[in-house]
């Protein structure tokens, strides 16, 4: 599908200046890394199940997503590095949960948007 384009050039210079200033405050690289973490289907499944359950141990995450503990740990480590999940240890067991409600909202909004696209 080709995106529609303007048939004439009509730059709103005041708006452009304000928006360019706004871009200087944006850490686009960091935000794009965040969305890259969301872009992997397995990591998205992990995030989604963590919206449904407050916390899960690595073994439970692996069982739910039907992957090995090593694969689950790899994806959890990536999510941890991006600040999307946190963990706590209880003896030899490590439990993961979403880092905060912002992550939960991002996942819920993405799922709702996806459902709307299917219904449309």
PDB file of N, CA and C in Angstrom:
ATOM      1  N   UNK A   1       0.835  -1.164   0.000  1.00  0.00           N
ATOM      2  CA  UNK A   1       0.000   0.000   0.000  1.00  0.00           C
ATOM      3  C   UNK A   1       0.891   1.242   0.000  1.00  0.00           C
ATOM      4  N   UNK A   2       0.616   2.160  -0.894  1.00  0.00           N
ATOM      5  CA  UNK A   2       1.388   3.384  -0.993  1.00  0.00           C
ATOM      6  C   UNK A   2       0.755   4.450  -0.097  1.00  0.00           C
ATOM      7  N   UNK A   3       1.575   5.141   0.682  1.00  0.00           N
ATOM      8  CA  UNK A   3       1.071   6.195   1.556  1.00  0.00           C
ATOM      9  C   UNK A   3       0.711   7.428   0.739  1.00  0.00           C
ATOM     10  N   UNK A   4      -0.411   8.047   1.053  1.00  0.00           N
ATOM     11  CA  UNK A   4      -0.786   9.273   0.344  1.00  0.00           C
ATOM     12  C   UNK A   4       0.233  10.377   0.596  1.00  0.00           C
ATOM     13  N   UNK A   5       0.460  11.226  -0.391  1.00  0.00           N
ATOM     14  CA  UNK A   5       1.411  12.329  -0.265  1.00  0.00           C
ATOM     15  C   UNK A   5       0.729  13.638  -0.612  1.00  0.00           C
ATOM     16  N   UNK A   6       1.258  14.742  -0.042  1.00  0.00           N
ATOM     17  CA  UNK A   6       0.746  16.072  -0.387  1.00  0.00           C
ATOM     18  C   UNK A   6       1.041  16.359  -1.858  1.00  0.00           C
ATOM     19  N   UNK A   7       0.161  17.093  -2.454  1.00  0.00           N
ATOM     20  CA  UNK A   7       0.360  17.486  -3.847  1.00  0.00           C
ATOM     21  C   UNK A   7       1.044  18.840  -3.949  1.00  0.00           C
ATOM     22  N   UNK A   8       1.247  19.493  -2.817  1.00  0.00           N
ATOM     23  CA  UNK A   8       1.940  20.777  -2.782  1.00  0.00           C
ATOM     24  C   UNK A   8       2.766  20.832  -1.509  1.00  0.00           C
ATOM     25  N   UNK A   9       3.708  21.756  -1.445  1.00  0.00           N
ATOM     26  CA  UNK A   9       4.537  21.918  -0.251  1.00  0.00           C
ATOM     27  C   UNK A   9       3.992  23.104   0.538  1.00  0.00           C
ATOM     28  N   UNK A  10       3.572  22.838   1.759  1.00  0.00           N
ATOM     29  CA  UNK A  10       3.012  23.880   2.625  1.00  0.00           C
ATOM     30  C   UNK A  10       3.532  23.662   4.040  1.00  0.00           C
ATOM     31  N   UNK A  11       4.787  23.979   4.283  1.00  0.00           N
ATOM     32  CA  UNK A  11       5.419  23.751   5.582  1.00  0.00           C
ATOM     33  C   UNK A  11       4.931  24.791   6.586  1.00  0.00           C
ATOM     34  N   UNK A  12       4.491  24.318   7.733  1.00  0.00           N
ATOM     35  CA  UNK A  12       4.055  25.187   8.837  1.00  0.00           C
ATOM     36  C   UNK A  12       5.282  25.451   9.711  1.00  0.00           C
ATOM     37  N   UNK A  13       6.063  26.487   9.393  1.00  0.00           N
ATOM     38  CA  UNK A  13       7.365  26.683  10.017  1.00  0.00           C
ATOM     39  C   UNK A  13       7.318  26.815  11.536  1.00  0.00           C
ATOM     40  N   UNK A  14       6.317  27.449  12.108  1.00  0.00           N
ATOM     41  CA  UNK A  14       6.245  27.557  13.569  1.00  0.00           C
ATOM     42  C   UNK A  14       6.036  26.185  14.191  1.00  0.00           C
ATOM     43  N   UNK A  15       5.144  25.404  13.620  1.00  0.00           N
ATOM     44  CA  UNK A  15       4.903  24.048  14.119  1.00  0.00           C
ATOM     45  C   UNK A  15       6.148  23.188  13.980  1.00  0.00           C
ATOM     46  N   UNK A  16       6.818  23.308  12.858  1.00  0.00           N
ATOM     47  CA  UNK A  16       8.026  22.518  12.613  1.00  0.00           C
ATOM     48  C   UNK A  16       9.090  22.848  13.645  1.00  0.00           C
ATOM     49  N   UNK A  17       9.279  24.120  13.944  1.00  0.00           N
ATOM     50  CA  UNK A  17      10.280  24.536  14.930  1.00  0.00           C
ATOM     51  C   UNK A  17       9.968  23.964  16.307  1.00  0.00           C
ATOM     52  N   UNK A  18       8.718  24.044  16.730  1.00  0.00           N
ATOM     53  CA  UNK A  18       8.302  23.506  18.032  1.00  0.00           C
ATOM     54  C   UNK A  18       8.541  21.996  18.069  1.00  0.00           C
ATOM     55  N   UNK A  19       8.171  21.306  17.014  1.00  0.00           N
ATOM     56  CA  UNK A  19       8.331  19.851  16.964  1.00  0.00           C
ATOM     57  C   UNK A  19       9.800  19.441  16.903  1.00  0.00           C
ATOM     58  N   UNK A  20      10.627  20.212  16.210  1.00  0.00           N
ATOM     59  CA  UNK A  20      12.065  19.907  16.177  1.00  0.00           C
ATOM     60  C   UNK A  20      12.673  20.042  17.558  1.00  0.00           C
ATOM     61  N   UNK A  21      12.238  21.065  18.328  1.00  0.00           N
ATOM     62  CA  UNK A  21      12.720  21.212  19.718  1.00  0.00           C
ATOM     63  C   UNK A  21      12.292  20.013  20.557  1.00  0.00           C
ATOM     64  N   UNK A  22      11.057  19.562  20.352  1.00  0.00           N
ATOM     65  CA  UNK A  22      10.564  18.398  21.101  1.00  0.00           C
ATOM     66  C   UNK A  22      11.411  17.165  20.812  1.00  0.00           C
ATOM     67  N   UNK A  23      11.843  17.019  19.575  1.00  0.00           N
ATOM     68  CA  UNK A  23      12.678  15.866  19.209  1.00  0.00           C
ATOM     69  C   UNK A  23      14.031  15.882  19.901  1.00  0.00           C
ATOM     70  N   UNK A  24      14.549  17.054  20.227  1.00  0.00           N
ATOM     71  CA  UNK A  24      15.851  17.101  20.903  1.00  0.00           C
ATOM     72  C   UNK A  24      15.760  16.499  22.306  1.00  0.00           C
ATOM     73  N   UNK A  25      14.570  16.514  22.898  1.00  0.00           N
ATOM     74  CA  UNK A  25      14.379  15.937  24.231  1.00  0.00           C
ATOM     75  C   UNK A  25      14.095  14.436  24.194  1.00  0.00           C
ATOM     76  N   UNK A  26      13.849  13.911  23.026  1.00  0.00           N
ATOM     77  CA  UNK A  26      13.490  12.500  22.885  1.00  0.00           C
ATOM     78  C   UNK A  26      14.741  11.636  22.774  1.00  0.00           C
ATOM     79  N   UNK A  27      14.822  10.611  23.596  1.00  0.00           N
ATOM     80  CA  UNK A  27      15.907   9.636  23.477  1.00  0.00           C
ATOM     81  C   UNK A  27      15.404   8.509  22.574  1.00  0.00           C
ATOM     82  N   UNK A  28      15.415   8.776  21.274  1.00  0.00           N
ATOM     83  CA  UNK A  28      14.827   7.854  20.292  1.00  0.00           C
ATOM     84  C   UNK A  28      15.512   6.495  20.292  1.00  0.00           C
ATOM     85  N   UNK A  29      16.812   6.471  20.535  1.00  0.00           N
ATOM     86  CA  UNK A  29      17.528   5.192  20.534  1.00  0.00           C
ATOM     87  C   UNK A  29      17.047   4.321  21.686  1.00  0.00           C
ATOM     88  N   UNK A  30      16.920   4.917  22.863  1.00  0.00           N
ATOM     89  CA  UNK A  30      16.478   4.146  24.029  1.00  0.00           C
ATOM     90  C   UNK A  30      15.048   3.647  23.845  1.00  0.00           C
ATOM     91  N   UNK A  31      14.168   4.519  23.361  1.00  0.00           N
ATOM     92  CA  UNK A  31      12.770   4.127  23.162  1.00  0.00           C
ATOM     93  C   UNK A  31      12.657   3.061  22.080  1.00  0.00           C
ATOM     94  N   UNK A  32      13.467   3.171  21.021  1.00  0.00           N
ATOM     95  CA  UNK A  32      13.401   2.162  19.958  1.00  0.00           C
ATOM     96  C   UNK A  32      13.897   0.809  20.463  1.00  0.00           C
ATOM     97  N   UNK A  33      14.859   0.810  21.372  1.00  0.00           N
ATOM     98  CA  UNK A  33      15.307  -0.460  21.976  1.00  0.00           C
ATOM     99  C   UNK A  33      14.182  -1.091  22.784  1.00  0.00           C
ATOM    100  N   UNK A  34      13.433  -0.252  23.471  1.00  0.00           N
ATOM    101  CA  UNK A  34      12.291  -0.737  24.240  1.00  0.00           C
ATOM    102  C   UNK A  34      11.297  -1.437  23.322  1.00  0.00           C
ATOM    103  N   UNK A  35      10.959  -0.798  22.212  1.00  0.00           N
ATOM    104  CA  UNK A  35      10.001  -1.403  21.291  1.00  0.00           C
ATOM    105  C   UNK A  35      10.597  -2.605  20.566  1.00  0.00           C
ATOM    106  N   UNK A  36      11.904  -2.622  20.398  1.00  0.00           N
ATOM    107  CA  UNK A  36      12.552  -3.797  19.810  1.00  0.00           C
ATOM    108  C   UNK A  36      12.363  -5.004  20.734  1.00  0.00           C
ATOM    109  N   UNK A  37      12.447  -4.765  22.036  1.00  0.00           N
ATOM    110  CA  UNK A  37      12.217  -5.849  22.998  1.00  0.00           C
ATOM    111  C   UNK A  37      10.788  -6.358  22.883  1.00  0.00           C
ATOM    112  N   UNK A  38       9.836  -5.463  22.644  1.00  0.00           N
ATOM    113  CA  UNK A  38       8.434  -5.844  22.458  1.00  0.00           C
ATOM    114  C   UNK A  38       8.218  -6.559  21.130  1.00  0.00           C
ATOM    115  N   UNK A  39       9.087  -6.331  20.155  1.00  0.00           N
ATOM    116  CA  UNK A  39       8.867  -6.834  18.796  1.00  0.00           C
ATOM    117  C   UNK A  39       9.065  -8.341  18.657  1.00  0.00           C
ATOM    118  N   UNK A  40       9.735  -8.961  19.603  1.00  0.00           N
ATOM    119  CA  UNK A  40       9.949 -10.403  19.534  1.00  0.00           C
ATOM    120  C   UNK A  40       8.716 -11.127  20.068  1.00  0.00           C
ATOM    121  N   UNK A  41       8.123 -12.039  19.279  1.00  0.00           N
ATOM    122  CA  UNK A  41       6.897 -12.720  19.723  1.00  0.00           C
ATOM    123  C   UNK A  41       7.037 -13.472  21.047  1.00  0.00           C
ATOM    124  N   UNK A  42       8.167 -14.102  21.279  1.00  0.00           N
ATOM    125  CA  UNK A  42       8.349 -14.843  22.528  1.00  0.00           C
ATOM    126  C   UNK A  42       8.419 -13.885  23.710  1.00  0.00           C
ATOM    127  N   UNK A  43       9.154 -12.781  23.559  1.00  0.00           N
ATOM    128  CA  UNK A  43       9.230 -11.810  24.654  1.00  0.00           C
ATOM    129  C   UNK A  43       7.866 -11.173  24.911  1.00  0.00           C
ATOM    130  N   UNK A  44       7.112 -10.940  23.858  1.00  0.00           N
ATOM    131  CA  UNK A  44       5.774 -10.379  24.045  1.00  0.00           C
ATOM    132  C   UNK A  44       4.883 -11.362  24.809  1.00  0.00           C
ATOM    133  N   UNK A  45       5.022 -12.650  24.525  1.00  0.00           N
ATOM    134  CA  UNK A  45       4.267 -13.664  25.278  1.00  0.00           C
ATOM    135  C   UNK A  45       4.652 -13.626  26.754  1.00  0.00           C
ATOM    136  N   UNK A  46       5.939 -13.507  27.022  1.00  0.00           N
ATOM    137  CA  UNK A  46       6.413 -13.437  28.411  1.00  0.00           C
ATOM    138  C   UNK A  46       5.814 -12.214  29.102  1.00  0.00           C
ATOM    139  N   UNK A  47       5.886 -11.071  28.438  1.00  0.00           N
ATOM    140  CA  UNK A  47       5.312  -9.858  29.022  1.00  0.00           C
ATOM    141  C   UNK A  47       3.815 -10.011  29.246  1.00  0.00           C
ATOM    142  N   UNK A  48       3.143 -10.608  28.278  1.00  0.00           N
ATOM    143  CA  UNK A  48       1.691 -10.770  28.393  1.00  0.00           C
ATOM    144  C   UNK A  48       1.326 -11.657  29.582  1.00  0.00           C
ATOM    145  N   UNK A  49       1.993 -12.795  29.736  1.00  0.00           N
ATOM    146  CA  UNK A  49       1.642 -13.662  30.868  1.00  0.00           C
ATOM    147  C   UNK A  49       1.958 -12.979  32.197  1.00  0.00           C
ATOM    148  N   UNK A  50       2.958 -12.088  32.193  1.00  0.00           N
ATOM    149  CA  UNK A  50       3.261 -11.356  33.420  1.00  0.00           C
ATOM    150  C   UNK A  50       2.242 -10.249  33.688  1.00  0.00           C
ATOM    151  N   UNK A  51       1.424  -9.898  32.706  1.00  0.00           N
ATOM    152  CA  UNK A  51       0.299  -8.996  32.983  1.00  0.00           C
ATOM    153  C   UNK A  51      -0.856  -9.780  33.605  1.00  0.00           C
ATOM    154  N   UNK A  52      -0.902 -11.073  33.332  1.00  0.00           N
ATOM    155  CA  UNK A  52      -1.978 -11.922  33.852  1.00  0.00           C
ATOM    156  C   UNK A  52      -1.676 -12.465  35.241  1.00  0.00           C
ATOM    157  N   UNK A  53      -0.406 -12.669  35.522  1.00  0.00           N
ATOM    158  CA  UNK A  53       0.036 -13.227  36.802  1.00  0.00           C
ATOM    159  C   UNK A  53       1.056 -12.254  37.387  1.00  0.00           C
ATOM    160  N   UNK A  54       0.912 -11.902  38.650  1.00  0.00           N
ATOM    161  CA  UNK A  54       1.773 -10.880  39.270  1.00  0.00           C
ATOM    162  C   UNK A  54       3.258 -11.213  39.142  1.00  0.00           C
ATOM    163  N   UNK A  55       3.614 -12.465  39.369  1.00  0.00           N
ATOM    164  CA  UNK A  55       5.001 -12.892  39.201  1.00  0.00           C
ATOM    165  C   UNK A  55       5.025 -14.381  38.905  1.00  0.00           C
ATOM    166  N   UNK A  56       6.072 -14.783  38.191  1.00  0.00           N
ATOM    167  CA  UNK A  56       6.255 -16.195  37.834  1.00  0.00           C
ATOM    168  C   UNK A  56       7.728 -16.542  37.951  1.00  0.00           C
ATOM    169  N   UNK A  57       8.003 -17.771  38.353  1.00  0.00           N
ATOM    170  CA  UNK A  57       9.396 -18.218  38.359  1.00  0.00           C
ATOM    171  C   UNK A  57       9.789 -18.581  36.927  1.00  0.00           C
ATOM    172  N   UNK A  58      11.080 -18.673  36.691  1.00  0.00           N
ATOM    173  CA  UNK A  58      11.586 -18.962  35.351  1.00  0.00           C
ATOM    174  C   UNK A  58      10.998 -20.260  34.809  1.00  0.00           C
ATOM    175  N   UNK A  59      10.905 -21.278  35.659  1.00  0.00           N
ATOM    176  CA  UNK A  59      10.370 -22.573  35.219  1.00  0.00           C
ATOM    177  C   UNK A  59       8.926 -22.455  34.748  1.00  0.00           C
ATOM    178  N   UNK A  60       8.129 -21.668  35.482  1.00  0.00           N
ATOM    179  CA  UNK A  60       6.737 -21.476  35.082  1.00  0.00           C
ATOM    180  C   UNK A  60       6.635 -20.691  33.778  1.00  0.00           C
ATOM    181  N   UNK A  61       7.463 -19.657  33.629  1.00  0.00           N
ATOM    182  CA  UNK A  61       7.472 -18.894  32.374  1.00  0.00           C
ATOM    183  C   UNK A  61       7.793 -19.834  31.222  1.00  0.00           C
ATOM    184  N   UNK A  62       8.831 -20.656  31.393  1.00  0.00           N
ATOM    185  CA  UNK A  62       9.232 -21.600  30.343  1.00  0.00           C
ATOM    186  C   UNK A  62       8.095 -22.552  29.994  1.00  0.00           C
ATOM    187  N   UNK A  63       7.418 -23.068  31.004  1.00  0.00           N
ATOM    188  CA  UNK A  63       6.313 -24.002  30.763  1.00  0.00           C
ATOM    189  C   UNK A  63       5.156 -23.319  30.032  1.00  0.00           C
ATOM    190  N   UNK A  64       4.816 -22.104  30.436  1.00  0.00           N
ATOM    191  CA  UNK A  64       3.692 -21.394  29.821  1.00  0.00           C
ATOM    192  C   UNK A  64       3.977 -21.076  28.365  1.00  0.00           C
ATOM    193  N   UNK A  65       5.188 -20.607  28.063  1.00  0.00           N
ATOM    194  CA  UNK A  65       5.509 -20.238  26.671  1.00  0.00           C
ATOM    195  C   UNK A  65       5.990 -21.433  25.845  1.00  0.00           C
ATOM    196  N   UNK A  66       6.072 -22.599  26.498  1.00  0.00           N
ATOM    197  CA  UNK A  66       6.461 -23.853  25.832  1.00  0.00           C
ATOM    198  C   UNK A  66       7.846 -23.789  25.203  1.00  0.00           C
ATOM    199  N   UNK A  67       8.786 -23.280  26.011  1.00  0.00           N
ATOM    200  CA  UNK A  67      10.190 -23.233  25.614  1.00  0.00           C
ATOM    201  C   UNK A  67      11.023 -23.771  26.770  1.00  0.00           C
ATOM    202  N   UNK A  68      12.289 -23.957  26.525  1.00  0.00           N
ATOM    203  CA  UNK A  68      13.187 -24.455  27.575  1.00  0.00           C
ATOM    204  C   UNK A  68      13.435 -23.359  28.607  1.00  0.00           C
ATOM    205  N   UNK A  69      13.934 -23.786  29.772  1.00  0.00           N
ATOM    206  CA  UNK A  69      14.311 -22.813  30.804  1.00  0.00           C
ATOM    207  C   UNK A  69      15.390 -21.872  30.277  1.00  0.00           C
ATOM    208  N   UNK A  70      16.311 -22.405  29.487  1.00  0.00           N
ATOM    209  CA  UNK A  70      17.384 -21.579  28.935  1.00  0.00           C
ATOM    210  C   UNK A  70      16.827 -20.496  28.013  1.00  0.00           C
ATOM    211  N   UNK A  71      15.868 -20.858  27.170  1.00  0.00           N
ATOM    212  CA  UNK A  71      15.256 -19.882  26.262  1.00  0.00           C
ATOM    213  C   UNK A  71      14.480 -18.840  27.049  1.00  0.00           C
ATOM    214  N   UNK A  72      13.704 -19.283  28.031  1.00  0.00           N
ATOM    215  CA  UNK A  72      12.950 -18.344  28.870  1.00  0.00           C
ATOM    216  C   UNK A  72      13.904 -17.403  29.588  1.00  0.00           C
ATOM    217  N   UNK A  73      14.986 -17.936  30.138  1.00  0.00           N
ATOM    218  CA  UNK A  73      15.974 -17.111  30.840  1.00  0.00           C
ATOM    219  C   UNK A  73      16.605 -16.086  29.909  1.00  0.00           C
ATOM    220  N   UNK A  74      16.904 -16.495  28.692  1.00  0.00           N
ATOM    221  CA  UNK A  74      17.486 -15.575  27.703  1.00  0.00           C
ATOM    222  C   UNK A  74      16.544 -14.394  27.449  1.00  0.00           C
ATOM    223  N   UNK A  75      15.271 -14.684  27.229  1.00  0.00           N
ATOM    224  CA  UNK A  75      14.310 -13.617  26.957  1.00  0.00           C
ATOM    225  C   UNK A  75      14.068 -12.759  28.200  1.00  0.00           C
ATOM    226  N   UNK A  76      14.021 -13.375  29.352  1.00  0.00           N
ATOM    227  CA  UNK A  76      13.851 -12.613  30.589  1.00  0.00           C
ATOM    228  C   UNK A  76      15.050 -11.691  30.832  1.00  0.00           C
ATOM    229  N   UNK A  77      16.244 -12.159  30.518  1.00  0.00           N
ATOM    230  CA  UNK A  77      17.445 -11.327  30.667  1.00  0.00           C
ATOM    231  C   UNK A  77      17.364 -10.102  29.759  1.00  0.00           C
ATOM    232  N   UNK A  78      16.924 -10.307  28.509  1.00  0.00           N
ATOM    233  CA  UNK A  78      16.764  -9.185  27.577  1.00  0.00           C
ATOM    234  C   UNK A  78      15.736  -8.190  28.114  1.00  0.00           C
ATOM    235  N   UNK A  79      14.618  -8.689  28.615  1.00  0.00           N
ATOM    236  CA  UNK A  79      13.590  -7.814  29.174  1.00  0.00           C
ATOM    237  C   UNK A  79      14.086  -7.090  30.421  1.00  0.00           C
ATOM    238  N   UNK A  80      14.908  -7.764  31.202  1.00  0.00           N
ATOM    239  CA  UNK A  80      15.502  -7.154  32.389  1.00  0.00           C
ATOM    240  C   UNK A  80      16.448  -6.019  31.986  1.00  0.00           C
ATOM    241  N   UNK A  81      17.278  -6.274  30.977  1.00  0.00           N
ATOM    242  CA  UNK A  81      18.225  -5.261  30.497  1.00  0.00           C
ATOM    243  C   UNK A  81      17.520  -4.022  29.963  1.00  0.00           C
ATOM    244  N   UNK A  82      16.320  -4.194  29.434  1.00  0.00           N
ATOM    245  CA  UNK A  82      15.550  -3.062  28.899  1.00  0.00           C
ATOM    246  C   UNK A  82      14.681  -2.400  29.965  1.00  0.00           C
ATOM    247  N   UNK A  83      14.741  -2.900  31.180  1.00  0.00           N
ATOM    248  CA  UNK A  83      13.972  -2.305  32.264  1.00  0.00           C
ATOM    249  C   UNK A  83      12.493  -2.624  32.225  1.00  0.00           C
ATOM    250  N   UNK A  84      12.134  -3.712  31.558  1.00  0.00           N
ATOM    251  CA  UNK A  84      10.726  -4.078  31.434  1.00  0.00           C
ATOM    252  C   UNK A  84      10.267  -5.046  32.520  1.00  0.00           C
ATOM    253  N   UNK A  85      11.188  -5.831  33.057  1.00  0.00           N
ATOM    254  CA  UNK A  85      10.868  -6.747  34.154  1.00  0.00           C
ATOM    255  C   UNK A  85      11.870  -6.550  35.280  1.00  0.00           C
ATOM    256  N   UNK A  86      11.500  -7.040  36.441  1.00  0.00           N
ATOM    257  CA  UNK A  86      12.394  -7.076  37.598  1.00  0.00           C
ATOM    258  C   UNK A  86      12.315  -8.478  38.181  1.00  0.00           C
ATOM    259  N   UNK A  87      13.215  -8.775  39.100  1.00  0.00           N
ATOM    260  CA  UNK A  87      13.196 -10.115  39.695  1.00  0.00           C
ATOM    261  C   UNK A  87      13.466 -10.045  41.182  1.00  0.00           C
ATOM    262  N   UNK A  88      13.116 -11.136  41.836  1.00  0.00           N
ATOM    263  CA  UNK A  88      13.472 -11.333  43.240  1.00  0.00           C
ATOM    264  C   UNK A  88      13.839 -12.793  43.415  1.00  0.00           C
ATOM    265  N   UNK A  89      14.787 -13.037  44.305  1.00  0.00           N
ATOM    266  CA  UNK A  89      15.196 -14.411  44.596  1.00  0.00           C
ATOM    267  C   UNK A  89      14.563 -14.845  45.903  1.00  0.00           C
ATOM    268  N   UNK A  90      14.128 -16.101  45.909  1.00  0.00           N
ATOM    269  CA  UNK A  90      13.612 -16.727  47.119  1.00  0.00           C
ATOM    270  C   UNK A  90      14.320 -18.064  47.216  1.00  0.00           C
ATOM    271  N   UNK A  91      15.422 -18.080  47.948  1.00  0.00           N
ATOM    272  CA  UNK A  91      16.261 -19.278  47.990  1.00  0.00           C
ATOM    273  C   UNK A  91      16.895 -19.497  46.629  1.00  0.00           C
ATOM    274  N   UNK A  92      16.611 -20.656  46.034  1.00  0.00           N
ATOM    275  CA  UNK A  92      17.171 -20.984  44.724  1.00  0.00           C
ATOM    276  C   UNK A  92      16.237 -20.637  43.577  1.00  0.00           C
ATOM    277  N   UNK A  93      15.075 -20.086  43.894  1.00  0.00           N
ATOM    278  CA  UNK A  93      14.073 -19.781  42.868  1.00  0.00           C
ATOM    279  C   UNK A  93      14.089 -18.285  42.573  1.00  0.00           C
ATOM    280  N   UNK A  94      14.039 -17.968  41.274  1.00  0.00           N
ATOM    281  CA  UNK A  94      13.993 -16.571  40.834  1.00  0.00           C
ATOM    282  C   UNK A  94      12.615 -16.292  40.262  1.00  0.00           C
ATOM    283  N   UNK A  95      11.984 -15.257  40.793  1.00  0.00           N
ATOM    284  CA  UNK A  95      10.651 -14.846  40.348  1.00  0.00           C
ATOM    285  C   UNK A  95      10.755 -13.540  39.563  1.00  0.00           C
ATOM    286  N   UNK A  96      10.056 -13.487  38.430  1.00  0.00           N
ATOM    287  CA  UNK A  96      10.038 -12.284  37.601  1.00  0.00           C
ATOM    288  C   UNK A  96       8.657 -11.656  37.628  1.00  0.00           C
ATOM    289  N   UNK A  97       8.647 -10.333  37.517  1.00  0.00           N
ATOM    290  CA  UNK A  97       7.401  -9.577  37.424  1.00  0.00           C
ATOM    291  C   UNK A  97       7.659  -8.364  36.534  1.00  0.00           C
ATOM    292  N   UNK A  98       6.586  -7.720  36.107  1.00  0.00           N
ATOM    293  CA  UNK A  98       6.743  -6.508  35.309  1.00  0.00           C
ATOM    294  C   UNK A  98       7.388  -5.431  36.173  1.00  0.00           C
ATOM    295  N   UNK A  99       8.202  -4.596  35.552  1.00  0.00           N
ATOM    296  CA  UNK A  99       8.925  -3.580  36.309  1.00  0.00           C
ATOM    297  C   UNK A  99       7.993  -2.547  36.930  1.00  0.00           C
ATOM    298  N   UNK A 100       6.958  -2.142  36.206  1.00  0.00           N
ATOM    299  CA  UNK A 100       5.999  -1.182  36.754  1.00  0.00           C
ATOM    300  C   UNK A 100       4.718  -1.183  35.920  1.00  0.00           C
ATOM    301  N   UNK A 101       3.791  -0.345  36.313  1.00  0.00           N
ATOM    302  CA  UNK A 101       2.498  -0.308  35.616  1.00  0.00           C
ATOM    303  C   UNK A 101       2.596   0.261  34.209  1.00  0.00           C
ATOM    304  N   UNK A 102       3.652   1.031  33.908  1.00  0.00           N
ATOM    305  CA  UNK A 102       3.825   1.523  32.537  1.00  0.00           C
ATOM    306  C   UNK A 102       3.982   0.352  31.572  1.00  0.00           C
ATOM    307  N   UNK A 103       4.735  -0.649  31.976  1.00  0.00           N
ATOM    308  CA  UNK A 103       4.942  -1.823  31.126  1.00  0.00           C
ATOM    309  C   UNK A 103       3.612  -2.547  30.936  1.00  0.00           C
ATOM    310  N   UNK A 104       2.875  -2.715  32.023  1.00  0.00           N
ATOM    311  CA  UNK A 104       1.565  -3.371  31.947  1.00  0.00           C
ATOM    312  C   UNK A 104       0.659  -2.622  30.968  1.00  0.00           C
ATOM    313  N   UNK A 105       0.634  -1.301  31.060  1.00  0.00           N
ATOM    314  CA  UNK A 105      -0.205  -0.501  30.162  1.00  0.00           C
ATOM    315  C   UNK A 105       0.227  -0.642  28.711  1.00  0.00           C
ATOM    316  N   UNK A 106       1.537  -0.635  28.456  1.00  0.00           N
ATOM    317  CA  UNK A 106       2.023  -0.809  27.087  1.00  0.00           C
ATOM    318  C   UNK A 106       1.557  -2.135  26.499  1.00  0.00           C
ATOM    319  N   UNK A 107       1.671  -3.199  27.287  1.00  0.00           N
ATOM    320  CA  UNK A 107       1.244  -4.521  26.813  1.00  0.00           C
ATOM    321  C   UNK A 107      -0.263  -4.540  26.591  1.00  0.00           C
ATOM    322  N   UNK A 108      -1.021  -4.023  27.546  1.00  0.00           N
ATOM    323  CA  UNK A 108      -2.478  -4.030  27.416  1.00  0.00           C
ATOM    324  C   UNK A 108      -2.946  -3.187  26.232  1.00  0.00           C
ATOM    325  N   UNK A 109      -2.319  -2.040  26.015  1.00  0.00           N
ATOM    326  CA  UNK A 109      -2.682  -1.182  24.885  1.00  0.00           C
ATOM    327  C   UNK A 109      -2.343  -1.879  23.569  1.00  0.00           C
ATOM    328  N   UNK A 110      -1.173  -2.513  23.510  1.00  0.00           N
ATOM    329  CA  UNK A 110      -0.780  -3.226  22.284  1.00  0.00           C
ATOM    330  C   UNK A 110      -1.757  -4.360  21.986  1.00  0.00           C
ATOM    331  N   UNK A 111      -2.160  -5.090  23.009  1.00  0.00           N
ATOM    332  CA  UNK A 111      -3.095  -6.186  22.802  1.00  0.00           C
ATOM    333  C   UNK A 111      -4.460  -5.662  22.354  1.00  0.00           C
ATOM    334  N   UNK A 112      -4.928  -4.577  22.961  1.00  0.00           N
ATOM    335  CA  UNK A 112      -6.223  -3.989  22.579  1.00  0.00           C
ATOM    336  C   UNK A 112      -6.168  -3.468  21.147  1.00  0.00           C
ATOM    337  N   UNK A 113      -5.064  -2.833  20.786  1.00  0.00           N
ATOM    338  CA  UNK A 113      -4.922  -2.313  19.424  1.00  0.00           C
ATOM    339  C   UNK A 113      -4.919  -3.460  18.414  1.00  0.00           C
ATOM    340  N   UNK A 114      -4.211  -4.519  18.737  1.00  0.00           N
ATOM    341  CA  UNK A 114      -4.156  -5.680  17.858  1.00  0.00           C
ATOM    342  C   UNK A 114      -5.547  -6.291  17.679  1.00  0.00           C
ATOM    343  N   UNK A 115      -6.301  -6.377  18.755  1.00  0.00           N
ATOM    344  CA  UNK A 115      -7.655  -6.938  18.680  1.00  0.00           C
ATOM    345  C   UNK A 115      -8.551  -6.058  17.812  1.00  0.00           C
ATOM    346  N   UNK A 116      -8.394  -4.748  17.890  1.00  0.00           N
ATOM    347  CA  UNK A 116      -9.184  -3.841  17.057  1.00  0.00           C
ATOM    348  C   UNK A 116      -8.864  -4.023  15.572  1.00  0.00           C
ATOM    349  N   UNK A 117      -7.592  -4.281  15.276  1.00  0.00           N
ATOM    350  CA  UNK A 117      -7.189  -4.480  13.886  1.00  0.00           C
ATOM    351  C   UNK A 117      -7.803  -5.741  13.314  1.00  0.00           C
ATOM    352  N   UNK A 118      -7.961  -6.758  14.141  1.00  0.00           N
ATOM    353  CA  UNK A 118      -8.559  -8.020  13.709  1.00  0.00           C
ATOM    354  C   UNK A 118     -10.046  -7.824  13.456  1.00  0.00           C
ATOM    355  N   UNK A 119     -10.703  -7.054  14.351  1.00  0.00           N
ATOM    356  CA  UNK A 119     -12.146  -6.825  14.234  1.00  0.00           C
ATOM    357  C   UNK A 119     -12.502  -5.888  13.085  1.00  0.00           C
ATOM    358  N   UNK A 120     -11.551  -5.067  12.658  1.00  0.00           N
ATOM    359  CA  UNK A 120     -11.844  -4.058  11.618  1.00  0.00           C
ATOM    360  C   UNK A 120     -12.018  -4.684  10.243  1.00  0.00           C
TER     361      UNK A 120
END
